[in-house]
């Protein structure tokens, strides 16, 4: 009887393990990114795949095939050539040679990279779970015309050909339970459509005497629709440099277009771009909050020295700088709180003190709050 119980228990454990292994499968994001015009008639880009649940699974790549649509008008009347770049395929992939796609071709308005060799179990590369992931290949588009019709990626209208278009379409296979299994998820195939070079200064960490920030700092910047309810379309994080006040934000979901830019920082008031949104955001977009109060919705910026800054002191991120924020900073100052990146340390000097209280107190007195459409 005892042996029977042990056998049943062991069988249950095996079935549980089997169910877990079948239920948990690798997930991924496939992107075309790093678009660069190497000359007037040559565009280079990379194809990356990122493992998005690496804590739960190992993603052993088995095979992939890649298809794009593009706008033939971009060729400016020339014939487009689609190949690997630079010349030696081995210079431009994180995958071993056998796992790389081969034989790129163009037919009409479609670009195709033929599927590679199916690698046996245990021989496939492990897809990275660290952004941006594993580089599958670097590609090159060249037109026989003197130049492309535009130097904007958005005018190429490049997009993945996915399953809704019918065969052939993008497919991704990985090993699940020892079997090469299709795991294609067309909702996770993106083209880097907007790259935003943004200038923004949080008031507290700006030292106008030296015209620089006390530290580099991370911000999240949302793209929002310009019509009610102003839905968030996409978000990106980047580090704002302490000298040039710029951060480079990449958006995968949002197509080129007109958006409100909304900045979020852990102790800074949420600030939106000017009324009407920023027009024609695309792969080469630039926006500067620091030059004029008019760059923010409702002129909601503070002039400090020669630069316009986002208000500091919204500690609890409720959209208003008020007594609740001031009390938190006062209590931390009284307790002598020190350390890096403390929410109540507005000026970034690693200690909460009277200067942080003063900044917040002034903004409370002036009734500073978030202003949105």
Protein backbone atom coordinates (compact mmCIF):
# COMPACT_ATOMS: atom_id res chain seq x y z
CA UNK A 1 0.00 0.00 0.00
CA UNK A 2 2.84 2.35 0.89
CA UNK A 3 4.56 1.75 -2.46
CA UNK A 4 1.28 2.40 -4.26
CA UNK A 5 0.91 5.76 -2.49
CA UNK A 6 4.49 6.70 -3.39
CA UNK A 7 3.87 5.72 -7.04
CA UNK A 8 0.65 7.76 -7.23
CA UNK A 9 2.36 10.76 -5.61
CA UNK A 10 5.27 10.52 -8.04
CA UNK A 11 2.87 10.28 -10.99
CA UNK A 12 1.02 13.38 -9.80
CA UNK A 13 4.31 15.29 -9.55
CA UNK A 14 5.28 14.21 -13.07
CA UNK A 15 1.89 15.31 -14.44
CA UNK A 16 2.12 18.63 -12.59
CA UNK A 17 5.61 19.23 -14.01
CA UNK A 18 4.39 18.27 -17.47
CA UNK A 19 1.41 20.62 -17.24
CA UNK A 20 3.64 23.46 -16.09
CA UNK A 21 6.13 22.87 -18.91
CA UNK A 22 3.28 22.80 -21.46
CA UNK A 23 1.48 25.81 -19.99
CA UNK A 24 4.49 28.09 -19.73
CA UNK A 25 5.92 28.87 -23.12
CA UNK A 26 8.41 31.50 -24.22
CA UNK A 27 7.02 34.86 -25.29
CA UNK A 28 8.85 37.40 -27.41
CA UNK A 29 8.93 40.77 -29.15
CA UNK A 30 10.18 40.99 -32.74
CA UNK A 31 11.38 44.41 -33.90
CA UNK A 32 12.94 46.11 -36.86
CA UNK A 33 15.03 48.94 -35.44
CA UNK A 34 18.19 51.07 -35.64
CA UNK A 35 17.28 52.51 -39.02
CA UNK A 36 20.16 54.52 -40.44
CA UNK A 37 20.58 56.23 -43.81
CA UNK A 38 24.16 55.40 -44.71
CA UNK A 39 23.83 57.42 -47.91
CA UNK A 40 21.07 59.07 -49.92
CA UNK A 41 20.14 55.74 -51.51
CA UNK A 42 21.04 53.24 -48.77
CA UNK A 43 19.08 52.41 -45.61
CA UNK A 44 20.36 49.94 -43.00
CA UNK A 45 18.35 48.37 -40.16
CA UNK A 46 18.47 45.49 -37.67
CA UNK A 47 15.98 42.72 -36.88
CA UNK A 48 15.91 41.82 -33.16
CA UNK A 49 14.03 39.25 -31.10
CA UNK A 50 13.62 39.73 -27.34
CA UNK A 51 12.60 36.95 -24.91
CA UNK A 52 9.97 38.60 -22.68
CA UNK A 53 9.39 35.95 -19.98
CA UNK A 54 12.95 34.74 -19.25
CA UNK A 55 12.24 34.26 -15.54
CA UNK A 56 9.83 31.43 -16.37
CA UNK A 57 11.27 29.84 -19.51
CA UNK A 58 14.31 29.30 -21.68
CA UNK A 59 13.75 30.31 -25.30
CA UNK A 60 15.75 28.07 -27.62
CA UNK A 61 15.28 29.41 -31.14
CA UNK A 62 14.49 26.84 -33.84
CA UNK A 63 13.64 28.71 -37.06
CA UNK A 64 12.19 31.99 -38.29
CA UNK A 65 10.98 33.62 -41.49
CA UNK A 66 10.53 37.35 -42.00
CA UNK A 67 8.32 39.32 -44.40
CA UNK A 68 7.73 43.05 -44.84
CA UNK A 69 5.55 45.39 -46.87
CA UNK A 70 7.01 48.67 -48.12
CA UNK A 71 6.01 51.62 -50.31
CA UNK A 72 7.51 51.25 -53.80
CA UNK A 73 7.32 55.03 -54.27
CA UNK A 74 10.15 55.26 -51.74
CA UNK A 75 12.49 53.90 -54.43
CA UNK A 76 12.09 57.16 -56.41
CA UNK A 77 11.64 55.27 -59.64
CA UNK A 78 14.65 53.04 -59.10
CA UNK A 79 14.88 49.33 -58.43
CA UNK A 80 15.32 48.36 -54.82
CA UNK A 81 17.92 45.85 -53.72
CA UNK A 82 17.50 44.06 -50.41
CA UNK A 83 20.49 42.29 -48.88
CA UNK A 84 22.71 41.79 -45.88
CA UNK A 85 24.90 44.60 -44.62
CA UNK A 86 27.73 45.07 -44.19
CA UNK A 87 29.13 42.72 -46.84
CA UNK A 88 29.94 39.78 -44.58
CA UNK A 89 26.83 38.33 -42.94
CA UNK A 90 29.00 37.12 -40.07
CA UNK A 91 29.64 40.69 -38.94
CA UNK A 92 26.05 41.54 -38.14
CA UNK A 93 24.19 38.90 -36.10
CA UNK A 94 24.12 37.54 -32.54
CA UNK A 95 23.05 34.14 -33.87
CA UNK A 96 25.43 31.43 -35.14
CA UNK A 97 25.62 31.16 -38.92
CA UNK A 98 23.19 28.22 -39.19
CA UNK A 99 20.49 30.14 -37.30
CA UNK A 100 20.58 33.25 -39.49
CA UNK A 101 18.08 33.94 -42.26
CA UNK A 102 19.30 33.73 -45.84
CA UNK A 103 18.39 34.72 -49.40
CA UNK A 104 16.65 38.09 -49.05
CA UNK A 105 14.36 38.85 -52.01
CA UNK A 106 11.93 41.53 -53.19
CA UNK A 107 8.70 40.94 -55.09
CA UNK A 108 6.63 44.04 -55.84
CA UNK A 109 5.98 45.76 -52.51
CA UNK A 110 7.08 42.85 -50.34
CA UNK A 111 10.47 42.10 -48.83
CA UNK A 112 11.29 38.57 -47.79
CA UNK A 113 14.08 36.90 -45.86
CA UNK A 114 13.85 33.17 -46.45
CA UNK A 115 13.70 30.85 -43.48
CA UNK A 116 16.94 29.45 -42.14
CA UNK A 117 17.93 25.87 -41.34
CA UNK A 118 15.95 24.14 -38.60
CA UNK A 119 18.39 23.53 -35.78
CA UNK A 120 18.13 20.35 -33.74
CA UNK A 121 17.16 20.33 -30.09
CA UNK A 122 20.08 21.61 -28.05
CA UNK A 123 21.73 23.28 -31.05
CA UNK A 124 19.58 26.38 -31.38
CA UNK A 125 20.72 29.72 -29.94
CA UNK A 126 19.18 30.92 -26.68
CA UNK A 127 17.28 34.16 -27.25
CA UNK A 128 18.34 36.96 -24.91
CA UNK A 129 15.92 38.32 -22.34
CA UNK A 130 17.91 41.56 -21.98
CA UNK A 131 16.70 44.44 -24.16
CA UNK A 132 16.93 44.87 -27.07
CA UNK A 133 17.33 41.07 -27.31
CA UNK A 134 19.29 39.00 -29.83
CA UNK A 135 20.14 40.55 -33.17
CA UNK A 136 18.87 38.18 -35.85
CA UNK A 137 20.42 40.02 -38.78
CA UNK A 138 21.35 43.42 -40.16
CA UNK A 139 19.68 44.28 -43.46
CA UNK A 140 20.29 46.85 -46.18
CA UNK A 141 17.90 48.49 -48.65
CA UNK A 142 19.40 50.23 -51.67
CA UNK A 143 17.71 51.88 -54.64
CA UNK A 144 19.32 52.22 -58.06
CA UNK A 145 18.03 55.79 -58.12
CA UNK A 146 20.35 58.57 -56.97
CA UNK A 147 18.40 58.87 -53.73
CA UNK A 148 15.30 57.62 -51.99
CA UNK A 149 12.24 59.83 -52.38
CA UNK A 150 12.52 60.83 -48.70
CA UNK A 151 14.94 60.72 -45.79
CA UNK A 152 12.17 59.80 -43.32
CA UNK A 153 11.55 56.22 -42.33
CA UNK A 154 7.83 56.96 -41.96
CA UNK A 155 7.60 57.54 -45.73
CA UNK A 156 8.88 54.01 -46.40
CA UNK A 157 5.69 52.68 -44.73
CA UNK A 158 7.56 49.55 -43.71
CA UNK A 159 5.42 47.03 -41.82
CA UNK A 160 5.49 43.35 -41.05
CA UNK A 161 3.44 40.99 -43.20
CA UNK A 162 1.59 39.04 -40.51
CA UNK A 163 -0.81 36.10 -40.35
CA UNK A 164 -3.88 38.22 -41.17
CA UNK A 165 -2.44 38.61 -44.70
CA UNK A 166 -2.35 34.85 -45.25
CA UNK A 167 0.68 32.81 -46.31
CA UNK A 168 3.47 33.66 -46.57
CA UNK A 169 3.88 35.67 -43.36
CA UNK A 170 6.25 36.12 -40.41
CA UNK A 171 6.67 32.93 -38.39
CA UNK A 172 8.74 32.19 -35.29
CA UNK A 173 9.49 28.70 -33.96
CA UNK A 174 11.09 27.69 -30.68
CA UNK A 175 11.58 24.50 -28.72
CA UNK A 176 8.78 23.75 -26.28
CA UNK A 177 8.88 20.46 -24.41
CA UNK A 178 11.65 19.27 -26.72
CA UNK A 179 9.64 19.90 -29.91
CA UNK A 180 10.12 22.69 -32.46
CA UNK A 181 6.80 24.54 -32.09
CA UNK A 182 5.37 27.58 -33.84
CA UNK A 183 4.96 30.37 -31.28
CA UNK A 184 4.16 33.24 -33.65
CA UNK A 185 2.37 36.17 -32.02
CA UNK A 186 1.70 38.86 -34.63
CA UNK A 187 0.66 41.35 -31.93
CA UNK A 188 4.30 41.42 -30.81
CA UNK A 189 5.85 42.38 -34.16
CA UNK A 190 6.88 46.03 -34.23
CA UNK A 191 8.65 48.57 -36.41
CA UNK A 192 10.59 51.30 -34.65
CA UNK A 193 8.33 54.10 -35.89
CA UNK A 194 9.11 57.02 -33.59
CA UNK A 195 12.45 58.04 -32.10
CA UNK A 196 12.08 61.15 -29.97
CA UNK A 197 15.02 63.30 -28.91
CA UNK A 198 13.51 65.18 -25.97
CA UNK A 199 14.87 68.02 -23.85
CA UNK A 200 13.35 68.42 -20.39
CA UNK A 201 14.64 69.83 -17.08
CA UNK A 202 13.23 69.01 -13.63
CA UNK A 203 13.37 72.25 -11.66
CA UNK A 204 14.90 70.82 -8.50
CA UNK A 205 18.04 69.24 -9.99
CA UNK A 206 18.84 72.16 -12.31
CA UNK A 207 21.72 74.39 -11.19
CA UNK A 208 21.36 77.51 -13.30
CA UNK A 209 24.75 78.88 -12.16
CA UNK A 210 26.52 76.04 -13.98
CA UNK A 211 23.72 75.41 -16.49
CA UNK A 212 23.57 71.69 -15.77
CA UNK A 213 21.75 69.08 -13.72
CA UNK A 214 23.14 67.68 -10.50
CA UNK A 215 22.75 64.17 -11.93
CA UNK A 216 21.50 62.17 -14.89
CA UNK A 217 17.97 60.95 -14.28
CA UNK A 218 15.42 58.59 -15.80
CA UNK A 219 12.06 59.72 -17.14
CA UNK A 220 9.05 57.98 -18.61
CA UNK A 221 7.48 59.82 -21.52
CA UNK A 222 4.02 58.93 -22.85
CA UNK A 223 2.57 59.63 -26.28
CA UNK A 224 -1.14 60.46 -25.96
CA UNK A 225 -3.89 60.92 -28.51
CA UNK A 226 -4.84 64.53 -29.23
CA UNK A 227 -8.59 63.90 -28.91
CA UNK A 228 -10.55 63.08 -25.77
CA UNK A 229 -10.02 60.95 -23.71
CA UNK A 230 -6.35 61.50 -24.73
CA UNK A 231 -5.50 57.82 -24.42
CA UNK A 232 -1.92 56.70 -23.86
CA UNK A 233 -0.72 55.21 -27.15
CA UNK A 234 2.82 54.28 -26.14
CA UNK A 235 5.49 54.92 -23.52
CA UNK A 236 9.27 54.88 -23.35
CA UNK A 237 11.95 55.35 -20.72
CA UNK A 238 15.28 57.08 -21.18
CA UNK A 239 17.98 58.83 -19.19
CA UNK A 240 18.08 62.63 -19.34
CA UNK A 241 21.67 63.81 -19.68
CA UNK A 242 22.96 66.24 -17.04
CA UNK A 243 24.73 68.52 -19.54
CA UNK A 244 22.54 68.70 -22.66
CA UNK A 245 19.22 67.88 -20.88
CA UNK A 246 18.33 65.40 -23.63
CA UNK A 247 17.02 61.86 -23.60
CA UNK A 248 16.46 59.55 -26.57
CA UNK A 249 13.08 57.79 -26.42
CA UNK A 250 12.11 54.92 -28.75
CA UNK A 251 8.48 53.95 -29.37
CA UNK A 252 7.46 50.61 -30.87
CA UNK A 253 3.66 50.70 -30.81
CA UNK A 254 2.85 54.23 -31.96
CA UNK A 255 2.79 54.98 -35.70
CA UNK A 256 4.14 58.30 -36.91
CA UNK A 257 1.62 61.07 -36.30
CA UNK A 258 0.55 63.90 -34.00
CA UNK A 259 0.57 63.33 -30.23
CA UNK A 260 0.69 65.03 -26.88
CA UNK A 261 3.98 64.34 -25.14
CA UNK A 262 3.48 63.78 -21.40
CA UNK A 263 6.53 63.53 -19.14
CA UNK A 264 6.58 61.61 -15.85
CA UNK A 265 9.34 61.69 -13.24
CA UNK A 266 9.18 60.36 -9.70
CA UNK A 267 9.14 63.75 -7.92
CA UNK A 268 8.25 66.11 -10.77
CA UNK A 269 4.83 67.39 -11.80
CA UNK A 270 3.42 65.63 -14.88
CA UNK A 271 3.84 68.04 -17.79
CA UNK A 272 2.25 67.92 -21.25
CA UNK A 273 3.43 69.43 -24.52
CA UNK A 274 1.82 72.48 -26.11
CA UNK A 275 -1.84 72.78 -27.05
CA UNK A 276 -2.84 70.74 -30.09
CA UNK A 277 -0.05 68.21 -29.67
CA UNK A 278 3.24 67.86 -31.46
CA UNK A 279 2.74 67.38 -35.18
CA UNK A 280 4.36 64.77 -37.38
CA UNK A 281 6.27 62.83 -34.75
CA UNK A 282 8.32 60.29 -36.69
CA UNK A 283 11.65 58.51 -36.69
CA UNK A 284 13.58 61.79 -36.49
CA UNK A 285 11.47 63.76 -33.99
CA UNK A 286 12.81 66.45 -31.66
CA UNK A 287 11.06 68.42 -28.92
CA UNK A 288 12.43 70.93 -26.43
CA UNK A 289 10.54 71.91 -23.27
CA UNK A 290 13.35 74.18 -22.06
CA UNK A 291 13.13 77.10 -24.50
CA UNK A 292 9.75 78.65 -23.77
CA UNK A 293 6.78 78.30 -21.43
CA UNK A 294 4.62 77.91 -24.54
CA UNK A 295 6.21 74.49 -25.10
CA UNK A 296 4.08 73.12 -22.25
CA UNK A 297 0.32 72.84 -22.17
CA UNK A 298 -1.05 75.76 -20.17
CA UNK A 299 2.45 77.34 -20.07
CA UNK A 300 3.04 75.03 -17.12
CA UNK A 301 6.80 75.52 -16.80
CA UNK A 302 8.98 77.54 -14.42
CA UNK A 303 11.75 79.86 -15.61
CA UNK A 304 14.96 79.20 -13.70
CA UNK A 305 17.96 81.12 -14.96
CA UNK A 306 17.64 80.97 -18.74
CA UNK A 307 15.83 77.63 -18.93
CA UNK A 308 12.20 76.61 -18.54
CA UNK A 309 11.79 73.70 -16.15
CA UNK A 310 9.11 71.23 -15.08
CA UNK A 311 7.94 71.91 -11.52
CA UNK A 312 9.46 69.75 -8.79
CA UNK A 313 7.69 68.59 -5.62
CA UNK A 314 4.79 66.34 -6.64
CA UNK A 315 6.01 63.62 -4.30
CA UNK A 316 2.86 61.51 -4.30
CA UNK A 317 2.24 61.98 -8.04
CA UNK A 318 -1.38 63.11 -7.60
CA UNK A 319 -1.04 66.00 -10.04
CA UNK A 320 -0.84 68.82 -7.51
CA UNK A 321 1.96 70.14 -5.33
CA UNK A 322 0.31 70.71 -1.96
CA UNK A 323 0.57 70.23 1.79
CA UNK A 324 0.72 66.43 1.54
CA UNK A 325 3.93 66.69 -0.48
CA UNK A 326 5.35 69.35 1.80
CA UNK A 327 4.71 67.27 4.93
CA UNK A 328 6.55 64.29 3.48
CA UNK A 329 9.60 66.41 2.65
CA UNK A 330 9.48 68.16 6.03
CA UNK A 331 9.35 64.84 7.90
CA UNK A 332 12.25 63.40 5.90
CA UNK A 333 14.25 66.57 6.51
CA UNK A 334 13.55 66.39 10.23
CA UNK A 335 14.66 62.74 10.26
CA UNK A 336 17.87 63.58 8.37
CA UNK A 337 17.12 61.18 5.50
CA UNK A 338 20.05 60.72 3.12
CA UNK A 339 20.76 58.61 0.05
CA UNK A 340 20.60 58.60 -3.73
CA UNK A 341 17.37 59.07 -5.68
CA UNK A 342 15.19 59.74 -2.64
CA UNK A 343 11.76 60.98 -3.70
CA UNK A 344 11.87 63.88 -1.22
CA UNK A 345 15.38 64.98 -2.29
CA UNK A 346 14.33 67.46 -4.96
CA UNK A 347 17.75 68.97 -5.71
CA UNK A 348 19.58 65.66 -5.96
CA UNK A 349 22.29 66.39 -3.38
CA UNK A 350 21.52 63.11 -1.52
CA UNK A 351 20.17 64.79 1.60
CA UNK A 352 16.66 66.02 2.40
CA UNK A 353 16.93 69.48 3.93
CA UNK A 354 15.68 73.07 3.92
CA UNK A 355 16.42 73.65 0.23
CA UNK A 356 14.01 70.84 -0.73
CA UNK A 357 11.38 72.25 1.62
CA UNK A 358 11.81 75.72 0.10
CA UNK A 359 11.30 74.52 -3.48
CA UNK A 360 8.11 72.69 -2.55
CA UNK A 361 6.82 75.49 -0.33
CA UNK A 362 7.09 78.00 -3.19
CA UNK A 363 5.18 75.71 -5.54
CA UNK A 364 2.50 75.05 -2.91
CA UNK A 365 2.12 78.81 -2.36
CA UNK A 366 1.69 79.35 -6.12
CA UNK A 367 -0.93 76.61 -6.42
CA UNK A 368 1.07 74.59 -8.96
CA UNK A 369 -0.83 71.65 -10.45
CA UNK A 370 -0.97 69.51 -13.55
CA UNK A 371 -2.58 71.18 -16.57
CA UNK A 372 -3.97 68.96 -19.31
CA UNK A 373 -6.53 69.30 -22.11
